[in-house]
Structure formats: structure tokens, C-alpha cells
Protein backbone atom coordinates (compact mmCIF):
# COMPACT_ATOMS: atom_id res chain seq x y z
CA MET A 1 -109.82 0.98 -44.44
CA GLN A 2 -111.31 -1.08 -41.30
CA ALA A 3 -110.88 -4.72 -42.18
CA GLN A 4 -114.55 -6.76 -42.84
CA SER A 5 -115.60 -8.95 -39.97
CA GLY A 6 -114.23 -12.30 -40.39
CA ASP A 7 -111.03 -11.34 -42.12
CA LYS A 8 -107.69 -12.53 -41.44
CA SER A 9 -105.36 -8.79 -40.50
CA LEU A 10 -103.06 -10.83 -41.06
CA ALA A 11 -101.88 -14.30 -43.20
CA GLY A 12 -101.52 -17.02 -40.60
CA GLY A 13 -103.75 -15.92 -38.48
CA PRO A 14 -102.41 -15.50 -34.40
CA SER A 15 -100.30 -17.88 -33.80
CA SER A 16 -98.03 -17.34 -36.33
CA ARG A 17 -97.87 -14.32 -35.91
CA LEU A 18 -96.71 -14.52 -32.26
CA SER A 19 -94.30 -17.72 -33.74
CA GLU A 20 -93.10 -14.65 -35.62
CA LEU A 21 -92.39 -11.89 -33.44
CA GLY A 22 -90.97 -14.75 -30.50
CA ILE A 23 -93.29 -14.35 -28.86
CA GLU A 24 -94.27 -18.08 -26.36
CA LEU A 25 -98.11 -17.42 -24.76
CA PRO A 26 -97.80 -18.04 -21.03
CA ALA A 27 -99.43 -21.11 -19.20
CA PRO A 28 -103.42 -20.19 -19.16
CA PRO A 29 -104.87 -18.03 -16.03
CA THR A 30 -106.63 -19.99 -13.84
CA PRO A 31 -109.96 -18.41 -12.56
CA LEU A 32 -109.51 -16.82 -8.45
CA GLY A 33 -113.05 -17.35 -7.80
CA ALA A 34 -116.19 -19.00 -8.49
CA TYR A 35 -115.82 -18.18 -12.45
CA VAL A 36 -114.59 -19.20 -15.71
CA GLU A 37 -111.48 -17.06 -17.93
CA SER A 38 -113.40 -17.85 -20.56
CA SER A 39 -117.28 -17.98 -22.16
CA ASP A 40 -117.97 -18.15 -25.78
CA VAL A 41 -121.74 -17.31 -27.35
CA GLY A 42 -122.44 -17.00 -31.06
CA ASN A 43 -119.35 -15.85 -32.30
CA LEU A 44 -118.06 -14.16 -29.26
CA LEU A 45 -115.27 -14.88 -27.12
CA PHE A 46 -115.19 -13.14 -24.24
CA LEU A 47 -113.18 -13.24 -21.35
CA SER A 48 -113.27 -12.30 -17.82
CA GLY A 49 -111.11 -10.06 -16.37
CA MET A 50 -106.63 -10.83 -16.88
CA LEU A 51 -104.41 -10.12 -14.35
CA PRO A 52 -100.43 -9.25 -15.15
CA MET A 53 -98.83 -12.67 -13.93
CA VAL A 54 -95.93 -13.89 -14.39
CA ASN A 55 -94.51 -17.58 -13.45
CA ARG A 56 -97.60 -17.37 -11.19
CA LYS A 57 -96.62 -14.22 -9.59
CA LEU A 58 -98.58 -10.74 -9.43
CA VAL A 59 -96.78 -7.53 -11.04
CA SER A 60 -98.05 -5.14 -8.28
CA GLY A 61 -98.07 -1.64 -7.12
CA ARG A 62 -100.37 1.86 -8.17
CA PHE A 63 -100.19 4.34 -11.24
CA GLY A 64 -99.29 7.24 -9.57
CA GLU A 65 -97.94 6.49 -6.48
CA ASN A 66 -95.07 3.59 -7.18
CA LEU A 67 -95.68 2.52 -11.42
CA SER A 68 -94.42 3.88 -13.88
CA VAL A 69 -96.39 4.47 -17.19
CA LYS A 70 -93.39 2.32 -19.27
CA GLU A 71 -94.38 -0.57 -16.60
CA GLY A 72 -98.51 -0.03 -16.70
CA GLN A 73 -97.40 -0.75 -20.31
CA GLU A 74 -95.32 -3.95 -19.60
CA ALA A 75 -98.29 -5.09 -17.07
CA ALA A 76 -100.85 -4.33 -19.46
CA ARG A 77 -98.74 -6.13 -22.35
CA ILE A 78 -98.43 -9.35 -20.13
CA ALA A 79 -101.90 -9.26 -19.02
CA SER A 80 -103.33 -9.84 -23.01
CA LEU A 81 -100.48 -12.17 -22.97
CA ASN A 82 -102.58 -13.69 -20.32
CA ALA A 83 -105.38 -13.27 -22.55
CA LEU A 84 -104.20 -14.98 -25.75
CA ALA A 85 -103.40 -17.71 -23.32
CA ALA A 86 -107.01 -18.27 -21.95
CA ALA A 87 -108.66 -18.17 -25.55
CA LYS A 88 -106.25 -20.13 -26.73
CA HIS A 89 -107.04 -23.16 -24.26
CA HIS A 90 -110.33 -21.88 -24.59
CA LEU A 91 -110.48 -22.80 -28.60
CA GLY A 92 -108.16 -25.82 -28.32
CA ASP A 93 -107.02 -22.80 -31.68
CA LEU A 94 -105.81 -19.32 -31.03
CA ASP A 95 -106.57 -19.28 -35.09
CA ARG A 96 -109.82 -19.51 -34.79
CA LEU A 97 -109.74 -15.97 -33.47
CA THR A 98 -110.35 -13.36 -36.30
CA LYS A 99 -109.49 -10.29 -33.84
CA LEU A 100 -110.24 -7.90 -30.60
CA VAL A 101 -113.62 -6.88 -30.80
CA LYS A 102 -113.28 -5.02 -27.46
CA LEU A 103 -110.34 -3.99 -25.57
CA THR A 104 -111.00 -2.90 -21.10
CA VAL A 105 -108.39 -1.85 -19.05
CA LEU A 106 -108.99 -0.65 -15.57
CA MET A 107 -106.66 0.40 -13.99
CA ALA A 108 -105.61 1.32 -9.41
CA THR A 109 -104.25 5.26 -10.03
CA THR A 110 -104.13 7.30 -7.26
CA GLU A 111 -106.57 10.64 -7.62
CA GLN A 112 -103.68 12.86 -10.09
CA PHE A 113 -102.74 9.87 -11.97
CA VAL A 114 -104.66 11.08 -15.44
CA GLU A 115 -101.64 8.61 -18.18
CA HIS A 116 -104.52 5.60 -18.93
CA ALA A 117 -104.16 6.07 -22.62
CA PRO A 118 -100.83 5.62 -22.45
CA VAL A 119 -100.34 2.59 -20.58
CA ALA A 120 -103.78 0.91 -22.15
CA ASP A 121 -101.23 1.01 -25.01
CA GLY A 122 -98.84 -1.28 -24.19
CA ALA A 123 -102.55 -3.96 -24.62
CA SER A 124 -103.04 -1.72 -28.08
CA ASP A 125 -100.50 -2.34 -28.99
CA LEU A 126 -100.08 -5.75 -28.98
CA PHE A 127 -103.24 -7.13 -30.25
CA VAL A 128 -102.33 -5.05 -32.99
CA GLN A 129 -99.04 -6.90 -33.81
CA VAL A 130 -101.04 -9.83 -33.85
CA PHE A 131 -104.26 -8.97 -35.89
CA GLY A 132 -102.73 -6.01 -37.47
CA PRO A 133 -104.39 -2.47 -37.41
CA GLU A 134 -106.32 -3.17 -39.70
CA ALA A 135 -109.01 -4.99 -37.35
CA GLY A 136 -109.39 -2.41 -35.20
CA HIS A 137 -110.19 -2.68 -31.62
CA VAL A 138 -112.99 -0.78 -29.85
CA ARG A 139 -111.52 0.91 -25.97
CA LEU A 140 -112.72 2.04 -22.48
CA VAL A 141 -109.55 2.96 -20.08
CA TYR A 142 -110.40 3.81 -16.81
CA GLY A 143 -109.02 4.24 -13.34
CA VAL A 144 -110.19 2.93 -10.19
CA GLN A 145 -108.70 2.84 -5.71
CA SER A 146 -108.23 -0.77 -5.91
CA LEU A 147 -108.31 -3.79 -8.06
CA PRO A 148 -108.84 -7.43 -6.33
CA VAL A 149 -105.22 -9.32 -4.80
CA GLY A 150 -103.07 -5.50 -4.95
CA ALA A 151 -103.12 -5.50 -9.02
CA PRO A 152 -102.06 -2.94 -10.66
CA LEU A 153 -104.73 -3.33 -14.05
CA VAL A 154 -107.51 -5.56 -15.56
CA VAL A 155 -107.50 -6.49 -18.99
CA ASP A 156 -110.97 -8.16 -20.23
CA ALA A 157 -111.39 -8.76 -23.75
CA ILE A 158 -113.82 -9.56 -26.41
CA PHE A 159 -112.71 -10.95 -29.47
CA GLU A 160 -114.67 -12.27 -32.88
CA ILE A 161 -113.86 -16.46 -33.80
CA GLU A 162 -114.83 -18.55 -36.28
CA PRO A 163 -117.13 -21.30 -35.32
CA THR A 164 -115.95 -24.32 -35.53
CA ARG A 165 -116.34 -27.12 -38.53
CA GLN A 166 -119.24 -29.47 -38.50
CA SER A 167 -118.47 -33.00 -40.52
CA SER A 168 -121.34 -33.34 -42.76
CA THR A 169 -121.00 -37.44 -42.42
CA LYS A 170 -123.15 -38.80 -39.13
């Protein structure tokens, strides 16, 4: 059964779950061009494509050439952690995230590479750990010839967020 929109899938919210998993978020990423990393409208938070950066250093390579599925899963996980860091930076409180709505994973691949789904599971699995399997998310995964700055993959996410509470006093 799918969780209803806005339901907390796991008690305590995303920050508690990350703590339980022993995961510390990295510093939020900064844009590589003339754009912002995040933008919200209504109850949705849109993130710019997140790269697999560790300590401001890009994981690089191309699938089917010099990156394995296992390395790709880790790169997708890293990019997803960067997405959560960007969300936290934008919202101020990671626990305003109620669920991942849509995940898109783009990969730089050779023409022969066909294991896109297992690589993208590196991102999906992390989000399931954070939000629970009941929350579910839709996903689009595809390969392209190249990605900006030689990145092996880009994780694009849309989250549902709780609205900020307005003070009733004036």
C-alpha cells in the first residue's frame, strides 16, 4: 500500500533516520553556473541536477568504459546525499521533506551499456532508507553520450515538502 501524500513514512523524519543510519550529510553543493540549486513552489521542492562530489571533488568516468555498476551505485548514492544536503540548506529543516516524488538519473554511458537500472538503484535505495518503502517514488533513468564537467551521472529530484507554519500573532 502506498503512503498518502504528506504522511511520514518513518517515525522521526529524515534527519532522525539519517542519524540512525550513521549518515552525515556533506556540505551543500554550489551551482556551477547561472542558476540556483533549489527552488520550491507550493508543496514541492525542485533540485538542480546533483553531481557525485566528495569534498568538492567530482567522481568521474563513464559507464561501459571505466566505471562498474557497483561504482555507479556509490556515485548515485553520493549524488543523492548531495541532494539531501541541498534540500536541507534550502529548507533549513530536513524534516520538512515528506517524501521523494520523482527521481531522474542521467548517466554518461557507452552505446553498449544497458545496466542503467541497477546503477540508479544506488540513489533509490538511499531514498527508501530515508523515507521508507511505503512512500514510493517514480523514476526515470537514461544514458547519454556525455554530461557536464565529465560527470558520470546526475541525480535530479523533486520532493514533497511540508509548508512552513505561519505565526497566528501579529
